Amino acid sequence: GGSWIAEDVTAAAGLPPVSSSLAGLVLHRATGDTTVLYGLNSAGELIEYRSSRIGWTARNISTITRGVPLSSKLAAWGEIYKGKLERIFVFCTTSDGRSIQYLQSGKRLSQFDLSTTGPTVAADSVVVLPPANTGGVPSLFGLDGQGSLWRYTGNLRLGWESIAGNVGGPALTGELGTQYAAGSGTMIVFGVDREGRMVQ
């Protein structure tokens, strides 16, 4: 039931334009939900759109954090922890394959280069898996230039885990999919190898 409507959010609120790489999430509060959208402008800067009771607002995250220009494909996840603390993770890549994490915790906004201890990652392969429990840290999965699967564990000290190196899987290409197995909570990653076969 119901019907679809279209609204030009950018024009209606006079917000900065976004040219690519849209990612979105909804933060659930007892007082109401907040929709948060992320995208890149033509300069590769990360733009945040946020809904509120008075309409949409926007801010340039790259300017605030003095971030580097970003490439295509964003992955985002967020939650309201213990009913009040806003936690948002946004993962993106640069044109030379560096993985960048933006983290908002409460009012604090920070940026981390995840590639200092890990691989260069194909931008279109990046996908995020939410944590299994409230207050946890999401996992980031991506493919390196050889099609090997990697996982960022969410901890700067522990860095990246070479999944392909542990299980000996085939080289993959393109986008990935993730989910938890029903019942066991086991992480599952789906991908396509270079011969077009689906791999789990």
C-alpha atoms as a PDB file:
ATOM      1  CA  GLY A   1       0.000   0.000   0.000  1.00  0.00           C
ATOM      2  CA  GLY A   2       0.899   3.677   0.047  1.00  0.00           C
ATOM      3  CA  SER A   3       2.476   5.701  -2.703  1.00  0.00           C
ATOM      4  CA  TRP A   4       5.849   7.121  -3.677  1.00  0.00           C
ATOM      5  CA  ILE A   5       6.690  10.810  -3.698  1.00  0.00           C
ATOM      6  CA  ALA A   6       9.759  12.667  -4.980  1.00  0.00           C
ATOM      7  CA  GLU A   7      11.324  15.658  -3.230  1.00  0.00           C
ATOM      8  CA  ASP A   8      14.346  17.698  -4.291  1.00  0.00           C
ATOM      9  CA  VAL A   9      15.948  17.875  -0.858  1.00  0.00           C
ATOM     10  CA  THR A  10      19.006  19.776  -2.092  1.00  0.00           C
ATOM     11  CA  ALA A  11      17.046  22.530  -3.794  1.00  0.00           C
ATOM     12  CA  ALA A  12      14.320  22.785  -1.150  1.00  0.00           C
ATOM     13  CA  ALA A  13      16.781  23.423   1.668  1.00  0.00           C
ATOM     14  CA  GLY A  14      19.481  25.190  -0.361  1.00  0.00           C
ATOM     15  CA  LEU A  15      22.054  22.503   0.461  1.00  0.00           C
ATOM     16  CA  PRO A  16      25.398  21.866  -1.275  1.00  0.00           C
ATOM     17  CA  PRO A  17      25.088  19.461  -4.226  1.00  0.00           C
ATOM     18  CA  VAL A  18      26.247  15.857  -4.110  1.00  0.00           C
ATOM     19  CA  SER A  19      27.566  14.248  -7.284  1.00  0.00           C
ATOM     20  CA  SER A  20      28.187  10.591  -6.341  1.00  0.00           C
ATOM     21  CA  SER A  21      28.448   7.777  -3.814  1.00  0.00           C
ATOM     22  CA  LEU A  22      25.266   8.134  -1.773  1.00  0.00           C
ATOM     23  CA  ALA A  23      25.027   6.197   1.499  1.00  0.00           C
ATOM     24  CA  GLY A  24      22.398   6.560   4.199  1.00  0.00           C
ATOM     25  CA  LEU A  25      21.277   5.428   7.632  1.00  0.00           C
ATOM     26  CA  VAL A  26      18.533   6.100  10.149  1.00  0.00           C
ATOM     27  CA  LEU A  27      19.225   6.867  13.809  1.00  0.00           C
ATOM     28  CA  HIS A  28      16.385   5.714  16.060  1.00  0.00           C
ATOM     29  CA  ARG A  29      15.559   7.784  19.128  1.00  0.00           C
ATOM     30  CA  ALA A  30      12.611   7.661  21.499  1.00  0.00           C
ATOM     31  CA  THR A  31      11.826  11.235  20.440  1.00  0.00           C
ATOM     32  CA  GLY A  32      11.903  10.407  16.734  1.00  0.00           C
ATOM     33  CA  ASP A  33      14.143   9.164  13.933  1.00  0.00           C
ATOM     34  CA  THR A  34      16.907  11.087  12.169  1.00  0.00           C
ATOM     35  CA  THR A  35      17.841  10.313   8.560  1.00  0.00           C
ATOM     36  CA  VAL A  36      21.517  10.907   7.763  1.00  0.00           C
ATOM     37  CA  LEU A  37      22.814  10.826   4.183  1.00  0.00           C
ATOM     38  CA  TYR A  38      26.401  10.960   2.928  1.00  0.00           C
ATOM     39  CA  GLY A  39      27.743  11.683  -0.530  1.00  0.00           C
ATOM     40  CA  LEU A  40      30.699  13.177  -2.370  1.00  0.00           C
ATOM     41  CA  ASN A  41      30.706  16.514  -4.135  1.00  0.00           C
ATOM     42  CA  SER A  42      32.566  17.158  -7.369  1.00  0.00           C
ATOM     43  CA  ALA A  43      35.793  17.813  -5.436  1.00  0.00           C
ATOM     44  CA  GLY A  44      35.628  14.454  -3.653  1.00  0.00           C
ATOM     45  CA  GLU A  45      34.638  16.025  -0.332  1.00  0.00           C
ATOM     46  CA  LEU A  46      32.366  14.151   2.075  1.00  0.00           C
ATOM     47  CA  ILE A  47      29.006  15.919   2.509  1.00  0.00           C
ATOM     48  CA  GLU A  48      26.497  15.052   5.242  1.00  0.00           C
ATOM     49  CA  TYR A  49      22.755  15.716   4.931  1.00  0.00           C
ATOM     50  CA  ARG A  50      20.718  15.418   8.128  1.00  0.00           C
ATOM     51  CA  SER A  51      16.973  15.582   8.705  1.00  0.00           C
ATOM     52  CA  SER A  52      15.470  17.433  11.656  1.00  0.00           C
ATOM     53  CA  ARG A  53      12.127  18.750  12.846  1.00  0.00           C
ATOM     54  CA  ILE A  54      12.811  22.042  11.068  1.00  0.00           C
ATOM     55  CA  GLY A  55      14.012  20.489   7.800  1.00  0.00           C
ATOM     56  CA  TRP A  56      17.289  19.348   6.262  1.00  0.00           C
ATOM     57  CA  THR A  57      20.752  20.653   7.121  1.00  0.00           C
ATOM     58  CA  ALA A  58      24.171  19.894   5.641  1.00  0.00           C
ATOM     59  CA  ARG A  59      27.850  20.125   6.516  1.00  0.00           C
ATOM     60  CA  ASN A  60      31.140  19.398   4.769  1.00  0.00           C
ATOM     61  CA  ILE A  61      32.823  16.660   6.813  1.00  0.00           C
ATOM     62  CA  SER A  62      36.032  16.838   4.774  1.00  0.00           C
ATOM     63  CA  THR A  63      36.428  20.539   5.527  1.00  0.00           C
ATOM     64  CA  ILE A  64      35.802  20.029   9.241  1.00  0.00           C
ATOM     65  CA  THR A  65      38.342  17.190   9.522  1.00  0.00           C
ATOM     66  CA  ARG A  66      40.753  18.526   6.855  1.00  0.00           C
ATOM     67  CA  GLY A  67      40.250  15.295   4.958  1.00  0.00           C
ATOM     68  CA  VAL A  68      41.766  14.219   1.655  1.00  0.00           C
ATOM     69  CA  PRO A  69      39.755  13.957  -1.622  1.00  0.00           C
ATOM     70  CA  LEU A  70      37.764  10.727  -1.780  1.00  0.00           C
ATOM     71  CA  SER A  71      36.829   8.345  -4.583  1.00  0.00           C
ATOM     72  CA  SER A  72      33.624   6.414  -5.275  1.00  0.00           C
ATOM     73  CA  LYS A  73      31.624   4.123  -2.956  1.00  0.00           C
ATOM     74  CA  LEU A  74      30.779   4.980   0.634  1.00  0.00           C
ATOM     75  CA  ALA A  75      29.665   2.607   3.377  1.00  0.00           C
ATOM     76  CA  ALA A  76      27.999   3.919   6.538  1.00  0.00           C
ATOM     77  CA  TRP A  77      26.559   2.581   9.786  1.00  0.00           C
ATOM     78  CA  GLY A  78      25.332   4.265  12.934  1.00  0.00           C
ATOM     79  CA  GLU A  79      23.367   3.870  16.150  1.00  0.00           C
ATOM     80  CA  ILE A  80      22.151   5.719  19.226  1.00  0.00           C
ATOM     81  CA  TYR A  81      24.043   3.999  22.042  1.00  0.00           C
ATOM     82  CA  LYS A  82      22.290   3.672  25.401  1.00  0.00           C
ATOM     83  CA  GLY A  83      19.578   5.992  24.202  1.00  0.00           C
ATOM     84  CA  LYS A  84      21.741   9.109  23.890  1.00  0.00           C
ATOM     85  CA  LEU A  85      25.246   8.744  22.371  1.00  0.00           C
ATOM     86  CA  GLU A  86      25.310   9.124  18.593  1.00  0.00           C
ATOM     87  CA  ARG A  87      27.871   6.841  16.919  1.00  0.00           C
ATOM     88  CA  ILE A  88      28.367   6.990  13.146  1.00  0.00           C
ATOM     89  CA  PHE A  89      31.038   5.230  11.078  1.00  0.00           C
ATOM     90  CA  VAL A  90      31.595   6.222   7.445  1.00  0.00           C
ATOM     91  CA  PHE A  91      34.115   4.273   5.358  1.00  0.00           C
ATOM     92  CA  CYS A  92      35.465   5.491   2.032  1.00  0.00           C
ATOM     93  CA  THR A  93      38.503   5.227  -0.218  1.00  0.00           C
ATOM     94  CA  THR A  94      40.853   7.585  -2.000  1.00  0.00           C
ATOM     95  CA  SER A  95      41.741   7.370  -5.679  1.00  0.00           C
ATOM     96  CA  ASP A  96      44.976   5.557  -4.804  1.00  0.00           C
ATOM     97  CA  GLY A  97      43.191   2.867  -2.764  1.00  0.00           C
ATOM     98  CA  ARG A  98      43.651   4.124   0.801  1.00  0.00           C
ATOM     99  CA  SER A  99      40.781   3.310   3.162  1.00  0.00           C
ATOM    100  CA  ILE A 100      39.533   6.216   5.278  1.00  0.00           C
ATOM    101  CA  GLN A 101      37.264   6.006   8.324  1.00  0.00           C
ATOM    102  CA  TYR A 102      35.260   8.936   9.612  1.00  0.00           C
ATOM    103  CA  LEU A 103      33.890   8.476  13.129  1.00  0.00           C
ATOM    104  CA  GLN A 104      31.379  10.609  14.946  1.00  0.00           C
ATOM    105  CA  SER A 105      31.044   9.814  18.648  1.00  0.00           C
ATOM    106  CA  GLY A 106      28.731  12.257  20.348  1.00  0.00           C
ATOM    107  CA  LYS A 107      29.854  15.678  19.109  1.00  0.00           C
ATOM    108  CA  ARG A 108      33.409  14.529  18.398  1.00  0.00           C
ATOM    109  CA  LEU A 109      34.285  13.987  14.721  1.00  0.00           C
ATOM    110  CA  SER A 110      37.542  12.283  13.705  1.00  0.00           C
ATOM    111  CA  GLN A 111      39.259  10.819  10.647  1.00  0.00           C
ATOM    112  CA  PHE A 112      41.592   7.796  10.406  1.00  0.00           C
ATOM    113  CA  ASP A 113      43.681   6.432   7.536  1.00  0.00           C
ATOM    114  CA  LEU A 114      43.185   2.660   7.811  1.00  0.00           C
ATOM    115  CA  SER A 115      45.709   1.814   5.105  1.00  0.00           C
ATOM    116  CA  THR A 116      48.775   2.585   7.207  1.00  0.00           C
ATOM    117  CA  THR A 117      48.655  -1.017   8.456  1.00  0.00           C
ATOM    118  CA  GLY A 118      46.760  -2.699   5.624  1.00  0.00           C
ATOM    119  CA  PRO A 119      46.184  -3.184   1.911  1.00  0.00           C
ATOM    120  CA  THR A 120      45.110  -0.776  -0.792  1.00  0.00           C
ATOM    121  CA  VAL A 121      41.450  -1.525  -1.449  1.00  0.00           C
ATOM    122  CA  ALA A 122      39.330  -1.397  -4.614  1.00  0.00           C
ATOM    123  CA  ALA A 123      36.792   1.373  -4.008  1.00  0.00           C
ATOM    124  CA  ASP A 124      33.769  -0.454  -5.438  1.00  0.00           C
ATOM    125  CA  SER A 125      34.347  -3.508  -3.238  1.00  0.00           C
ATOM    126  CA  VAL A 126      33.985  -1.787   0.144  1.00  0.00           C
ATOM    127  CA  VAL A 127      31.101  -3.027   2.300  1.00  0.00           C
ATOM    128  CA  VAL A 128      30.353  -2.679   6.008  1.00  0.00           C
ATOM    129  CA  LEU A 129      28.868  -5.308   8.352  1.00  0.00           C
ATOM    130  CA  PRO A 130      27.205  -3.854  11.474  1.00  0.00           C
ATOM    131  CA  PRO A 131      28.346  -5.145  14.872  1.00  0.00           C
ATOM    132  CA  ALA A 132      26.403  -8.045  16.313  1.00  0.00           C
ATOM    133  CA  ASN A 133      25.736  -6.170  19.549  1.00  0.00           C
ATOM    134  CA  THR A 134      24.875  -2.615  20.583  1.00  0.00           C
ATOM    135  CA  GLY A 135      27.993  -0.610  21.351  1.00  0.00           C
ATOM    136  CA  GLY A 136      30.176  -2.773  19.122  1.00  0.00           C
ATOM    137  CA  VAL A 137      32.304  -1.770  16.158  1.00  0.00           C
ATOM    138  CA  PRO A 138      31.370  -2.562  12.526  1.00  0.00           C
ATOM    139  CA  SER A 139      33.642  -4.620  10.272  1.00  0.00           C
ATOM    140  CA  LEU A 140      34.821  -3.344   6.893  1.00  0.00           C
ATOM    141  CA  PHE A 141      35.406  -5.789   4.031  1.00  0.00           C
ATOM    142  CA  GLY A 142      37.198  -5.063   0.774  1.00  0.00           C
ATOM    143  CA  LEU A 143      39.292  -6.513  -2.042  1.00  0.00           C
ATOM    144  CA  ASP A 144      42.888  -5.637  -2.806  1.00  0.00           C
ATOM    145  CA  GLY A 145      44.324  -5.279  -6.316  1.00  0.00           C
ATOM    146  CA  GLN A 146      44.742  -9.060  -6.655  1.00  0.00           C
ATOM    147  CA  GLY A 147      41.115  -9.747  -5.658  1.00  0.00           C
ATOM    148  CA  SER A 148      42.022 -11.037  -2.201  1.00  0.00           C
ATOM    149  CA  LEU A 149      39.453 -10.528   0.554  1.00  0.00           C
ATOM    150  CA  TRP A 150      40.398  -8.464   3.612  1.00  0.00           C
ATOM    151  CA  ARG A 151      38.576  -7.432   6.785  1.00  0.00           C
ATOM    152  CA  TYR A 152      39.268  -4.389   8.896  1.00  0.00           C
ATOM    153  CA  THR A 153      38.496  -5.474  12.453  1.00  0.00           C
ATOM    154  CA  GLY A 154      37.475  -2.049  13.696  1.00  0.00           C
ATOM    155  CA  ASN A 155      40.603  -1.672  15.811  1.00  0.00           C
ATOM    156  CA  LEU A 156      43.497   0.509  14.640  1.00  0.00           C
ATOM    157  CA  ARG A 157      45.989  -1.499  16.677  1.00  0.00           C
ATOM    158  CA  LEU A 158      44.876  -4.890  15.323  1.00  0.00           C
ATOM    159  CA  GLY A 159      44.465  -3.538  11.793  1.00  0.00           C
ATOM    160  CA  TRP A 160      43.463  -5.799   8.904  1.00  0.00           C
ATOM    161  CA  GLU A 161      42.874  -9.545   8.656  1.00  0.00           C
ATOM    162  CA  SER A 162      43.674 -11.382   5.406  1.00  0.00           C
ATOM    163  CA  ILE A 163      40.678 -13.656   4.974  1.00  0.00           C
ATOM    164  CA  ALA A 164      41.867 -14.993   1.621  1.00  0.00           C
ATOM    165  CA  GLY A 165      45.230 -15.787   3.191  1.00  0.00           C
ATOM    166  CA  ASN A 166      43.544 -17.782   5.967  1.00  0.00           C
ATOM    167  CA  VAL A 167      41.070 -19.787   3.878  1.00  0.00           C
ATOM    168  CA  GLY A 168      42.732 -19.871   0.444  1.00  0.00           C
ATOM    169  CA  GLY A 169      39.700 -18.547  -1.434  1.00  0.00           C
ATOM    170  CA  PRO A 170      39.729 -17.549  -5.112  1.00  0.00           C
ATOM    171  CA  ALA A 171      40.371 -14.037  -6.403  1.00  0.00           C
ATOM    172  CA  LEU A 172      37.156 -11.987  -6.348  1.00  0.00           C
ATOM    173  CA  THR A 173      35.985  -8.971  -8.298  1.00  0.00           C
ATOM    174  CA  GLY A 174      33.342  -6.274  -8.063  1.00  0.00           C
ATOM    175  CA  GLU A 175      31.061  -5.693  -5.105  1.00  0.00           C
ATOM    176  CA  LEU A 176      30.701  -7.778  -1.947  1.00  0.00           C
ATOM    177  CA  GLY A 177      27.725  -8.684   0.214  1.00  0.00           C
ATOM    178  CA  THR A 178      27.684  -9.452   3.948  1.00  0.00           C
ATOM    179  CA  GLN A 179      25.307 -10.774   6.565  1.00  0.00           C
ATOM    180  CA  TYR A 180      25.161 -12.820   9.752  1.00  0.00           C
ATOM    181  CA  ALA A 181      24.077 -16.457   9.639  1.00  0.00           C
ATOM    182  CA  ALA A 182      20.715 -16.950  11.341  1.00  0.00           C
ATOM    183  CA  GLY A 183      21.054 -18.521  14.754  1.00  0.00           C
ATOM    184  CA  SER A 184      24.851 -18.800  14.955  1.00  0.00           C
ATOM    185  CA  GLY A 185      25.723 -15.161  14.253  1.00  0.00           C
ATOM    186  CA  THR A 186      28.600 -16.262  12.021  1.00  0.00           C
ATOM    187  CA  MET A 187      29.827 -13.595   9.598  1.00  0.00           C
ATOM    188  CA  ILE A 188      29.176 -14.457   5.947  1.00  0.00           C
ATOM    189  CA  VAL A 189      30.729 -12.627   2.990  1.00  0.00           C
ATOM    190  CA  PHE A 190      29.487 -13.152  -0.576  1.00  0.00           C
ATOM    191  CA  GLY A 191      31.511 -12.353  -3.670  1.00  0.00           C
ATOM    192  CA  VAL A 192      31.905 -13.222  -7.339  1.00  0.00           C
ATOM    193  CA  ASP A 193      35.119 -14.707  -8.724  1.00  0.00           C
ATOM    194  CA  ARG A 194      36.613 -13.764 -12.073  1.00  0.00           C
ATOM    195  CA  GLU A 195      34.768 -16.620 -13.797  1.00  0.00           C
ATOM    196  CA  GLY A 196      31.385 -15.362 -12.590  1.00  0.00           C
ATOM    197  CA  ARG A 197      30.882 -17.943  -9.848  1.00  0.00           C
ATOM    198  CA  MET A 198      29.283 -16.912  -6.568  1.00  0.00           C
ATOM    199  CA  VAL A 199      31.540 -17.595  -3.575  1.00  0.00           C
ATOM    200  CA  GLN A 200      30.590 -17.621   0.103  1.00  0.00           C
END
